[in-house]
Amino acid sequence: SLQNGGGKTVLVQMLIAPFVHKRYRNTTDRSFESFFTSNKPTFLLVEWILDGGAGYVLTGMMIRKNQGGNEEISSEDLDITTFIHEYRDANEFDIYQIPVIEKQEKQKKLLGYHNCKKLFDEMRNKLGGKFQAFDLSQSNQQKHYFLRLKEYGINSEEWESIIKKINIKESGLSELFKEAKDEN
């Protein structure tokens, strides 16, 4: 119900970003890359409840502006690591407790990108196949990530068909629901 420019489309873009290929993350008016301007990581997390009380799957995307170092990569590109974590019960790596924030006395500090990648390696070693991380700059890992999502019934083609309609223009979400009489 927000007015135009209130962020409805951006919120939906961010929530769907972990489930779509790169070309579906941009709106006509604004690129996905433009939201990320620093070397600090941003996290997009979605927790799914598995059918039949089988537990949960946490899907996540860690994003930061590419820091260069490789002349072939443009400064506009992003560093993106995605991850999938399956669990039955609350644990130290669930959506509420994933330790990407360090508590120091009265402050909280977000871990840096490389420290988070180390954390993901530790999680993979500790949890085995229940936790996997994927570097989306590597095509084989990107392919494996989307195949792994499909194992949980999260099909990128389905999400891409939704986001394509929303990304047509900046107010795409409003356009999609313009015939709706109210929130219901």
N, C-alpha and C. Protein backbone atom coordinates (compact mmCIF):
# COMPACT_ATOMS: atom_id res chain seq x y z
N SER A 1 0.80 -1.20 0.00
CA SER A 1 0.00 0.00 0.00
C SER A 1 0.84 1.26 0.00
N LEU A 2 2.13 1.15 -0.09
CA LEU A 2 2.99 2.33 -0.11
C LEU A 2 2.76 3.14 -1.39
N GLN A 3 3.02 4.44 -1.30
CA GLN A 3 2.92 5.28 -2.49
C GLN A 3 4.04 4.93 -3.46
N ASN A 4 3.93 5.42 -4.70
CA ASN A 4 5.00 5.19 -5.68
C ASN A 4 6.31 5.71 -5.12
N GLY A 5 7.38 4.96 -5.35
CA GLY A 5 8.68 5.33 -4.84
C GLY A 5 8.93 4.88 -3.41
N GLY A 6 7.98 4.18 -2.82
CA GLY A 6 8.09 3.73 -1.42
C GLY A 6 8.95 2.50 -1.22
N GLY A 7 9.29 1.82 -2.30
CA GLY A 7 10.20 0.68 -2.19
C GLY A 7 9.57 -0.69 -2.33
N LYS A 8 8.31 -0.77 -2.74
CA LYS A 8 7.64 -2.07 -2.87
C LYS A 8 8.35 -2.97 -3.88
N THR A 9 8.63 -2.45 -5.06
CA THR A 9 9.27 -3.22 -6.11
C THR A 9 10.68 -3.63 -5.71
N VAL A 10 11.42 -2.72 -5.10
CA VAL A 10 12.79 -3.02 -4.67
C VAL A 10 12.77 -4.15 -3.64
N LEU A 11 11.83 -4.10 -2.70
CA LEU A 11 11.73 -5.15 -1.69
C LEU A 11 11.49 -6.51 -2.35
N VAL A 12 10.56 -6.57 -3.29
CA VAL A 12 10.28 -7.82 -3.98
C VAL A 12 11.49 -8.27 -4.80
N GLN A 13 12.16 -7.32 -5.47
CA GLN A 13 13.38 -7.65 -6.22
C GLN A 13 14.40 -8.32 -5.31
N MET A 14 14.61 -7.76 -4.14
CA MET A 14 15.61 -8.28 -3.21
C MET A 14 15.21 -9.66 -2.69
N LEU A 15 13.94 -9.85 -2.39
CA LEU A 15 13.49 -11.15 -1.88
C LEU A 15 13.61 -12.25 -2.93
N ILE A 16 13.40 -11.90 -4.19
CA ILE A 16 13.44 -12.89 -5.26
C ILE A 16 14.84 -13.08 -5.84
N ALA A 17 15.74 -12.13 -5.63
CA ALA A 17 17.10 -12.19 -6.23
C ALA A 17 17.82 -13.52 -6.03
N PRO A 18 17.74 -14.16 -4.87
CA PRO A 18 18.46 -15.43 -4.71
C PRO A 18 17.92 -16.58 -5.58
N PHE A 19 16.78 -16.40 -6.18
CA PHE A 19 16.14 -17.49 -6.91
C PHE A 19 16.09 -17.30 -8.42
N VAL A 20 16.72 -16.22 -8.92
CA VAL A 20 16.69 -15.95 -10.35
C VAL A 20 18.11 -15.74 -10.88
N HIS A 21 18.27 -15.98 -12.17
CA HIS A 21 19.56 -15.75 -12.82
C HIS A 21 19.80 -14.24 -12.96
N LYS A 22 21.03 -13.88 -13.17
CA LYS A 22 21.49 -12.48 -13.18
C LYS A 22 20.63 -11.56 -14.04
N ARG A 23 20.30 -11.99 -15.24
CA ARG A 23 19.60 -11.09 -16.17
C ARG A 23 18.20 -10.71 -15.69
N TYR A 24 17.65 -11.43 -14.71
CA TYR A 24 16.30 -11.13 -14.21
C TYR A 24 16.31 -10.25 -12.96
N ARG A 25 17.49 -9.84 -12.50
CA ARG A 25 17.57 -9.04 -11.28
C ARG A 25 17.44 -7.55 -11.53
N ASN A 26 17.50 -7.09 -12.77
CA ASN A 26 17.43 -5.66 -13.09
C ASN A 26 16.02 -5.24 -13.46
N THR A 27 15.65 -4.02 -13.07
CA THR A 27 14.43 -3.44 -13.63
C THR A 27 14.86 -2.71 -14.90
N THR A 28 13.90 -2.28 -15.68
CA THR A 28 14.22 -1.52 -16.88
C THR A 28 14.93 -0.22 -16.50
N ASP A 29 14.53 0.37 -15.38
CA ASP A 29 15.04 1.68 -14.98
C ASP A 29 16.26 1.64 -14.05
N ARG A 30 16.51 0.49 -13.39
CA ARG A 30 17.60 0.46 -12.40
C ARG A 30 18.23 -0.93 -12.36
N SER A 31 19.56 -0.95 -12.37
CA SER A 31 20.26 -2.24 -12.32
C SER A 31 20.37 -2.72 -10.87
N PHE A 32 20.38 -4.01 -10.70
CA PHE A 32 20.55 -4.64 -9.39
C PHE A 32 21.88 -4.19 -8.77
N GLU A 33 22.91 -4.09 -9.61
CA GLU A 33 24.25 -3.71 -9.14
C GLU A 33 24.26 -2.34 -8.47
N SER A 34 23.37 -1.44 -8.90
CA SER A 34 23.39 -0.07 -8.39
C SER A 34 23.02 0.03 -6.91
N PHE A 35 22.43 -1.00 -6.34
CA PHE A 35 22.06 -0.97 -4.93
C PHE A 35 23.25 -1.21 -4.01
N PHE A 36 24.34 -1.75 -4.54
CA PHE A 36 25.47 -2.18 -3.71
C PHE A 36 26.68 -1.30 -4.04
N THR A 37 27.10 -0.49 -3.07
CA THR A 37 28.09 0.53 -3.36
C THR A 37 29.35 0.43 -2.51
N SER A 38 29.43 -0.56 -1.63
CA SER A 38 30.61 -0.64 -0.75
C SER A 38 31.17 -2.05 -0.71
N ASN A 39 32.25 -2.19 0.02
CA ASN A 39 32.87 -3.51 0.16
C ASN A 39 32.23 -4.32 1.28
N LYS A 40 31.31 -3.72 2.02
CA LYS A 40 30.61 -4.44 3.09
C LYS A 40 29.55 -5.36 2.48
N PRO A 41 29.46 -6.57 2.99
CA PRO A 41 28.47 -7.49 2.43
C PRO A 41 27.04 -7.13 2.85
N THR A 42 26.13 -7.41 1.95
CA THR A 42 24.70 -7.33 2.22
C THR A 42 24.17 -8.75 2.15
N PHE A 43 23.25 -9.10 3.04
CA PHE A 43 22.70 -10.45 3.07
C PHE A 43 21.22 -10.42 2.74
N LEU A 44 20.82 -11.30 1.85
CA LEU A 44 19.41 -11.55 1.55
C LEU A 44 19.15 -12.98 1.99
N LEU A 45 18.28 -13.17 2.97
CA LEU A 45 18.01 -14.49 3.53
C LEU A 45 16.53 -14.81 3.45
N VAL A 46 16.22 -16.02 3.05
CA VAL A 46 14.84 -16.50 3.03
C VAL A 46 14.85 -17.91 3.63
N GLU A 47 14.00 -18.10 4.64
CA GLU A 47 13.88 -19.41 5.26
C GLU A 47 12.60 -20.07 4.77
N TRP A 48 12.72 -21.29 4.32
CA TRP A 48 11.60 -22.07 3.80
C TRP A 48 11.26 -23.18 4.80
N ILE A 49 9.98 -23.41 5.03
CA ILE A 49 9.54 -24.53 5.87
C ILE A 49 9.31 -25.71 4.94
N LEU A 50 9.99 -26.82 5.20
CA LEU A 50 9.87 -28.01 4.36
C LEU A 50 8.56 -28.74 4.67
N ASP A 51 8.01 -29.39 3.66
CA ASP A 51 6.77 -30.13 3.81
C ASP A 51 6.93 -31.28 4.80
N GLY A 52 5.82 -31.63 5.43
CA GLY A 52 5.78 -32.80 6.29
C GLY A 52 6.61 -32.66 7.56
N GLY A 53 6.85 -31.44 8.01
CA GLY A 53 7.62 -31.24 9.23
C GLY A 53 9.06 -31.69 9.12
N ALA A 54 9.60 -31.68 7.90
CA ALA A 54 10.97 -32.16 7.67
C ALA A 54 12.04 -31.15 8.07
N GLY A 55 11.64 -29.96 8.51
CA GLY A 55 12.61 -28.96 8.93
C GLY A 55 12.55 -27.71 8.08
N TYR A 56 13.72 -27.12 7.86
CA TYR A 56 13.83 -25.82 7.20
C TYR A 56 14.98 -25.82 6.20
N VAL A 57 14.87 -24.91 5.24
CA VAL A 57 15.99 -24.63 4.34
C VAL A 57 16.18 -23.12 4.35
N LEU A 58 17.40 -22.71 4.68
CA LEU A 58 17.76 -21.30 4.63
C LEU A 58 18.51 -21.07 3.33
N THR A 59 17.97 -20.17 2.51
CA THR A 59 18.65 -19.79 1.28
C THR A 59 19.16 -18.37 1.48
N GLY A 60 20.39 -18.14 1.07
CA GLY A 60 20.97 -16.83 1.30
C GLY A 60 21.84 -16.37 0.16
N MET A 61 21.99 -15.07 0.10
CA MET A 61 22.85 -14.45 -0.90
C MET A 61 23.66 -13.38 -0.18
N MET A 62 24.98 -13.47 -0.29
CA MET A 62 25.87 -12.45 0.26
C MET A 62 26.42 -11.67 -0.93
N ILE A 63 26.25 -10.35 -0.90
CA ILE A 63 26.57 -9.51 -2.05
C ILE A 63 27.43 -8.32 -1.60
N ARG A 64 28.37 -7.97 -2.43
CA ARG A 64 29.10 -6.72 -2.25
C ARG A 64 29.57 -6.24 -3.61
N LYS A 65 29.88 -4.96 -3.69
CA LYS A 65 30.46 -4.42 -4.92
C LYS A 65 31.83 -5.06 -5.13
N ASN A 66 32.11 -5.46 -6.35
CA ASN A 66 33.39 -6.07 -6.67
C ASN A 66 34.51 -5.10 -6.34
N GLN A 67 35.55 -5.62 -5.73
CA GLN A 67 36.65 -4.76 -5.27
C GLN A 67 37.80 -4.67 -6.26
N GLY A 68 37.60 -5.15 -7.48
CA GLY A 68 38.64 -5.05 -8.50
C GLY A 68 39.69 -6.12 -8.32
N GLY A 69 40.88 -5.84 -8.76
CA GLY A 69 41.95 -6.82 -8.67
C GLY A 69 42.04 -7.68 -9.91
N ASN A 70 40.99 -7.69 -10.71
CA ASN A 70 40.99 -8.44 -11.96
C ASN A 70 40.56 -7.48 -13.05
N GLU A 71 41.45 -7.16 -13.97
CA GLU A 71 41.16 -6.16 -15.01
C GLU A 71 40.00 -6.56 -15.91
N GLU A 72 39.71 -7.86 -15.99
CA GLU A 72 38.62 -8.31 -16.86
C GLU A 72 37.25 -8.03 -16.24
N ILE A 73 37.22 -7.83 -14.94
CA ILE A 73 35.95 -7.61 -14.25
C ILE A 73 35.74 -6.11 -14.08
N SER A 74 34.59 -5.63 -14.49
CA SER A 74 34.26 -4.21 -14.37
C SER A 74 33.98 -3.86 -12.91
N SER A 75 34.23 -2.63 -12.52
CA SER A 75 33.94 -2.20 -11.15
C SER A 75 32.44 -2.19 -10.87
N GLU A 76 31.62 -2.30 -11.91
CA GLU A 76 30.17 -2.34 -11.74
C GLU A 76 29.68 -3.71 -11.29
N ASP A 77 30.48 -4.72 -11.50
CA ASP A 77 30.07 -6.08 -11.16
C ASP A 77 30.05 -6.31 -9.66
N LEU A 78 29.39 -7.37 -9.26
CA LEU A 78 29.24 -7.72 -7.85
C LEU A 78 29.96 -9.01 -7.53
N ASP A 79 30.38 -9.14 -6.28
CA ASP A 79 30.82 -10.42 -5.73
C ASP A 79 29.58 -11.01 -5.07
N ILE A 80 29.18 -12.21 -5.50
CA ILE A 80 27.99 -12.83 -4.93
C ILE A 80 28.31 -14.27 -4.55
N THR A 81 28.03 -14.58 -3.30
CA THR A 81 28.10 -15.95 -2.81
C THR A 81 26.71 -16.31 -2.32
N THR A 82 26.20 -17.41 -2.80
CA THR A 82 24.90 -17.89 -2.32
C THR A 82 25.14 -19.10 -1.43
N PHE A 83 24.17 -19.42 -0.61
CA PHE A 83 24.31 -20.59 0.24
C PHE A 83 22.95 -21.21 0.52
N ILE A 84 22.99 -22.48 0.84
CA ILE A 84 21.80 -23.26 1.17
C ILE A 84 22.13 -24.06 2.43
N HIS A 85 21.27 -23.94 3.43
CA HIS A 85 21.48 -24.65 4.70
C HIS A 85 20.18 -25.34 5.09
N GLU A 86 20.23 -26.65 5.20
CA GLU A 86 19.07 -27.44 5.61
C GLU A 86 19.23 -27.82 7.08
N TYR A 87 18.15 -27.67 7.86
CA TYR A 87 18.19 -28.04 9.28
C TYR A 87 16.80 -28.39 9.78
N ARG A 88 16.78 -29.18 10.85
CA ARG A 88 15.51 -29.61 11.43
C ARG A 88 15.03 -28.66 12.52
N ASP A 89 15.95 -28.19 13.35
CA ASP A 89 15.58 -27.39 14.50
C ASP A 89 16.46 -26.14 14.57
N ALA A 90 16.10 -25.24 15.48
CA ALA A 90 16.91 -24.04 15.70
C ALA A 90 18.35 -24.45 15.99
N ASN A 91 19.30 -23.68 15.45
CA ASN A 91 20.71 -23.98 15.66
C ASN A 91 21.53 -22.71 15.45
N GLU A 92 22.82 -22.81 15.69
CA GLU A 92 23.69 -21.63 15.64
C GLU A 92 23.84 -21.03 14.24
N PHE A 93 23.36 -21.74 13.20
CA PHE A 93 23.48 -21.24 11.84
C PHE A 93 22.11 -21.04 11.17
N ASP A 94 21.02 -20.99 11.96
CA ASP A 94 19.71 -20.77 11.37
C ASP A 94 19.52 -19.29 11.04
N ILE A 95 18.36 -18.92 10.52
CA ILE A 95 18.14 -17.55 10.07
C ILE A 95 18.25 -16.53 11.21
N TYR A 96 17.97 -16.95 12.42
CA TYR A 96 18.03 -16.02 13.55
C TYR A 96 19.42 -15.89 14.16
N GLN A 97 20.25 -16.90 13.95
CA GLN A 97 21.53 -16.92 14.67
C GLN A 97 22.76 -17.01 13.78
N ILE A 98 22.60 -17.02 12.46
CA ILE A 98 23.77 -17.15 11.58
C ILE A 98 24.81 -16.10 11.99
N PRO A 99 26.01 -16.52 12.34
CA PRO A 99 26.97 -15.62 13.00
C PRO A 99 27.76 -14.71 12.05
N VAL A 100 27.04 -13.88 11.30
CA VAL A 100 27.70 -12.92 10.42
C VAL A 100 27.86 -11.56 11.10
N ILE A 101 27.34 -11.46 12.31
CA ILE A 101 27.49 -10.25 13.11
C ILE A 101 28.27 -10.60 14.36
N GLU A 102 29.31 -9.81 14.58
CA GLU A 102 30.20 -10.02 15.72
C GLU A 102 29.78 -9.04 16.82
N LYS A 103 29.57 -9.56 18.04
CA LYS A 103 29.20 -8.69 19.15
C LYS A 103 30.46 -8.32 19.91
N GLN A 104 30.71 -7.02 20.01
CA GLN A 104 31.86 -6.48 20.73
C GLN A 104 31.37 -5.52 21.79
N GLU A 105 31.44 -5.93 23.05
CA GLU A 105 30.95 -5.13 24.17
C GLU A 105 29.55 -4.63 23.88
N LYS A 106 29.40 -3.32 23.62
CA LYS A 106 28.07 -2.75 23.38
C LYS A 106 27.77 -2.52 21.92
N GLN A 107 28.65 -3.01 21.05
CA GLN A 107 28.47 -2.80 19.61
C GLN A 107 28.28 -4.11 18.88
N LYS A 108 27.69 -4.00 17.72
CA LYS A 108 27.58 -5.12 16.81
C LYS A 108 28.26 -4.72 15.52
N LYS A 109 29.04 -5.64 14.96
CA LYS A 109 29.79 -5.33 13.75
C LYS A 109 29.60 -6.45 12.74
N LEU A 110 29.26 -6.07 11.53
CA LEU A 110 29.10 -7.04 10.45
C LEU A 110 30.47 -7.56 10.03
N LEU A 111 30.60 -8.88 9.92
CA LEU A 111 31.86 -9.46 9.46
C LEU A 111 32.11 -9.02 8.02
N GLY A 112 33.37 -8.94 7.64
CA GLY A 112 33.73 -8.61 6.27
C GLY A 112 33.45 -9.78 5.33
N TYR A 113 33.47 -9.49 4.05
CA TYR A 113 33.15 -10.49 3.03
C TYR A 113 34.04 -11.73 3.15
N HIS A 114 35.35 -11.54 3.26
CA HIS A 114 36.27 -12.68 3.32
C HIS A 114 36.10 -13.48 4.62
N ASN A 115 35.82 -12.79 5.72
CA ASN A 115 35.57 -13.50 6.97
C ASN A 115 34.29 -14.32 6.90
N CYS A 116 33.30 -13.80 6.19
CA CYS A 116 32.06 -14.56 6.00
C CYS A 116 32.32 -15.80 5.14
N LYS A 117 33.15 -15.65 4.11
CA LYS A 117 33.49 -16.81 3.28
C LYS A 117 34.21 -17.87 4.10
N LYS A 118 35.09 -17.44 5.02
CA LYS A 118 35.76 -18.39 5.92
C LYS A 118 34.74 -19.07 6.82
N LEU A 119 33.78 -18.28 7.32
CA LEU A 119 32.71 -18.83 8.14
C LEU A 119 31.94 -19.90 7.36
N PHE A 120 31.64 -19.62 6.10
CA PHE A 120 30.91 -20.59 5.28
C PHE A 120 31.72 -21.87 5.11
N ASP A 121 33.04 -21.76 4.94
CA ASP A 121 33.89 -22.95 4.85
C ASP A 121 33.82 -23.75 6.15
N GLU A 122 33.86 -23.05 7.29
CA GLU A 122 33.76 -23.72 8.59
C GLU A 122 32.41 -24.41 8.74
N MET A 123 31.35 -23.73 8.30
CA MET A 123 30.01 -24.31 8.38
C MET A 123 29.93 -25.56 7.52
N ARG A 124 30.49 -25.50 6.31
CA ARG A 124 30.47 -26.66 5.41
C ARG A 124 31.22 -27.83 6.04
N ASN A 125 32.38 -27.55 6.65
CA ASN A 125 33.16 -28.60 7.30
C ASN A 125 32.41 -29.19 8.50
N LYS A 126 31.73 -28.34 9.26
CA LYS A 126 31.02 -28.78 10.46
C LYS A 126 29.72 -29.51 10.13
N LEU A 127 28.99 -29.01 9.11
CA LEU A 127 27.66 -29.52 8.81
C LEU A 127 27.60 -30.47 7.62
N GLY A 128 28.70 -30.62 6.90
CA GLY A 128 28.72 -31.51 5.74
C GLY A 128 27.77 -31.04 4.66
N GLY A 129 27.03 -31.98 4.07
CA GLY A 129 26.12 -31.69 2.97
C GLY A 129 24.91 -30.85 3.35
N LYS A 130 24.72 -30.59 4.63
CA LYS A 130 23.58 -29.77 5.07
C LYS A 130 23.82 -28.28 4.83
N PHE A 131 25.07 -27.90 4.54
CA PHE A 131 25.38 -26.51 4.22
C PHE A 131 26.28 -26.48 3.00
N GLN A 132 25.88 -25.68 2.01
CA GLN A 132 26.68 -25.52 0.80
C GLN A 132 26.72 -24.05 0.43
N ALA A 133 27.89 -23.58 -0.03
CA ALA A 133 28.04 -22.21 -0.50
C ALA A 133 28.50 -22.25 -1.95
N PHE A 134 28.10 -21.25 -2.73
CA PHE A 134 28.36 -21.23 -4.17
C PHE A 134 28.83 -19.84 -4.58
N ASP A 135 29.93 -19.75 -5.30
CA ASP A 135 30.44 -18.49 -5.85
C ASP A 135 29.78 -18.30 -7.21
N LEU A 136 28.87 -17.34 -7.32
CA LEU A 136 28.11 -17.18 -8.56
C LEU A 136 28.93 -16.61 -9.71
N SER A 137 30.18 -16.23 -9.48
CA SER A 137 31.02 -15.79 -10.59
C SER A 137 31.57 -16.99 -11.37
N GLN A 138 31.42 -18.18 -10.81
CA GLN A 138 31.88 -19.40 -11.47
C GLN A 138 30.67 -20.14 -12.02
N SER A 139 30.63 -20.29 -13.34
CA SER A 139 29.42 -20.84 -14.00
C SER A 139 29.07 -22.24 -13.50
N ASN A 140 30.06 -23.07 -13.21
CA ASN A 140 29.74 -24.43 -12.73
C ASN A 140 29.09 -24.38 -11.34
N GLN A 141 29.54 -23.45 -10.49
CA GLN A 141 28.92 -23.33 -9.17
C GLN A 141 27.53 -22.72 -9.27
N GLN A 142 27.37 -21.77 -10.19
CA GLN A 142 26.05 -21.17 -10.41
C GLN A 142 25.06 -22.25 -10.85
N LYS A 143 25.47 -23.08 -11.78
CA LYS A 143 24.61 -24.17 -12.26
C LYS A 143 24.25 -25.13 -11.12
N HIS A 144 25.25 -25.49 -10.32
CA HIS A 144 25.02 -26.41 -9.20
C HIS A 144 24.07 -25.79 -8.17
N TYR A 145 24.21 -24.49 -7.93
CA TYR A 145 23.32 -23.79 -6.99
C TYR A 145 21.86 -23.90 -7.44
N PHE A 146 21.59 -23.57 -8.70
CA PHE A 146 20.21 -23.60 -9.18
C PHE A 146 19.66 -25.03 -9.24
N LEU A 147 20.51 -26.00 -9.51
CA LEU A 147 20.08 -27.41 -9.46
C LEU A 147 19.73 -27.81 -8.03
N ARG A 148 20.53 -27.35 -7.09
CA ARG A 148 20.28 -27.66 -5.67
C ARG A 148 18.97 -27.02 -5.22
N LEU A 149 18.70 -25.78 -5.66
CA LEU A 149 17.41 -25.16 -5.33
C LEU A 149 16.24 -25.99 -5.84
N LYS A 150 16.38 -26.53 -7.06
CA LYS A 150 15.30 -27.35 -7.64
C LYS A 150 15.00 -28.57 -6.80
N GLU A 151 16.01 -29.10 -6.12
CA GLU A 151 15.79 -30.26 -5.25
C GLU A 151 14.80 -29.93 -4.14
N TYR A 152 14.69 -28.66 -3.78
CA TYR A 152 13.75 -28.22 -2.75
C TYR A 152 12.46 -27.66 -3.36
N GLY A 153 12.30 -27.80 -4.67
CA GLY A 153 11.10 -27.29 -5.34
C GLY A 153 11.15 -25.80 -5.59
N ILE A 154 12.34 -25.20 -5.52
CA ILE A 154 12.51 -23.76 -5.79
C ILE A 154 13.04 -23.65 -7.22
N ASN A 155 12.13 -23.42 -8.15
CA ASN A 155 12.46 -23.44 -9.57
C ASN A 155 12.68 -22.02 -10.09
N SER A 156 13.88 -21.75 -10.56
CA SER A 156 14.22 -20.39 -11.02
C SER A 156 13.30 -19.92 -12.14
N GLU A 157 12.90 -20.81 -13.04
CA GLU A 157 12.03 -20.39 -14.15
C GLU A 157 10.71 -19.85 -13.64
N GLU A 158 10.19 -20.45 -12.59
CA GLU A 158 8.93 -19.99 -12.01
C GLU A 158 9.08 -18.58 -11.43
N TRP A 159 10.16 -18.34 -10.70
CA TRP A 159 10.40 -17.02 -10.10
C TRP A 159 10.74 -16.00 -11.17
N GLU A 160 11.45 -16.41 -12.21
CA GLU A 160 11.80 -15.49 -13.29
C GLU A 160 10.57 -15.02 -14.05
N SER A 161 9.56 -15.87 -14.20
CA SER A 161 8.33 -15.45 -14.89
C SER A 161 7.58 -14.40 -14.07
N ILE A 162 7.67 -14.48 -12.74
CA ILE A 162 7.03 -13.48 -11.88
C ILE A 162 7.80 -12.17 -11.93
N ILE A 163 9.11 -12.23 -11.74
CA ILE A 163 9.91 -11.01 -11.65
C ILE A 163 9.99 -10.27 -12.99
N LYS A 164 9.86 -11.02 -14.10
CA LYS A 164 9.89 -10.37 -15.42
C LYS A 164 8.77 -9.34 -15.52
N LYS A 165 7.60 -9.66 -15.01
CA LYS A 165 6.46 -8.74 -15.06
C LYS A 165 6.70 -7.53 -14.15
N ILE A 166 7.32 -7.77 -13.01
CA ILE A 166 7.57 -6.69 -12.05
C ILE A 166 8.66 -5.76 -12.54
N ASN A 167 9.69 -6.30 -13.21
CA ASN A 167 10.86 -5.52 -13.61
C ASN A 167 10.67 -4.69 -14.88
N ILE A 168 9.49 -4.74 -15.48
CA ILE A 168 9.25 -3.99 -16.71
C ILE A 168 9.51 -2.50 -16.51
N LYS A 169 9.12 -1.96 -15.35
CA LYS A 169 9.42 -0.57 -15.04
C LYS A 169 9.53 -0.39 -13.54
N GLU A 170 10.00 0.76 -13.12
CA GLU A 170 10.29 1.01 -11.70
C GLU A 170 9.08 0.73 -10.82
N SER A 171 7.88 1.06 -11.27
CA SER A 171 6.68 0.80 -10.47
C SER A 171 6.01 -0.50 -10.92
N GLY A 172 6.81 -1.48 -11.23
CA GLY A 172 6.30 -2.73 -11.79
C GLY A 172 5.35 -3.47 -10.89
N LEU A 173 5.59 -3.44 -9.59
CA LEU A 173 4.71 -4.15 -8.66
C LEU A 173 3.33 -3.50 -8.65
N SER A 174 3.29 -2.16 -8.67
CA SER A 174 2.01 -1.45 -8.71
C SER A 174 1.26 -1.78 -10.00
N GLU A 175 2.00 -1.83 -11.11
CA GLU A 175 1.40 -2.16 -12.40
C GLU A 175 0.80 -3.57 -12.39
N LEU A 176 1.53 -4.52 -11.78
CA LEU A 176 1.07 -5.91 -11.73
C LEU A 176 -0.27 -6.02 -11.01
N PHE A 177 -0.46 -5.17 -9.97
CA PHE A 177 -1.67 -5.25 -9.16
C PHE A 177 -2.63 -4.09 -9.39
N LYS A 178 -2.50 -3.36 -10.51
CA LYS A 178 -3.33 -2.17 -10.70
C LYS A 178 -4.81 -2.49 -10.81
N GLU A 179 -5.17 -3.69 -11.24
CA GLU A 179 -6.58 -4.07 -11.36
C GLU A 179 -7.17 -4.53 -10.03
N ALA A 180 -6.32 -4.74 -9.02
CA ALA A 180 -6.81 -5.17 -7.71
C ALA A 180 -7.55 -4.02 -7.05
N LYS A 181 -8.69 -4.31 -6.47
CA LYS A 181 -9.52 -3.28 -5.86
C LYS A 181 -9.02 -2.89 -4.47
N ASP A 182 -8.39 -3.84 -3.76
CA ASP A 182 -7.82 -3.57 -2.43
C ASP A 182 -6.70 -4.58 -2.18
N GLU A 183 -6.14 -4.55 -0.96
CA GLU A 183 -5.02 -5.43 -0.64
C GLU A 183 -5.36 -6.91 -0.81
N ASN A 184 -6.59 -7.28 -0.55
CA ASN A 184 -7.01 -8.68 -0.69
C ASN A 184 -6.93 -9.12 -2.14
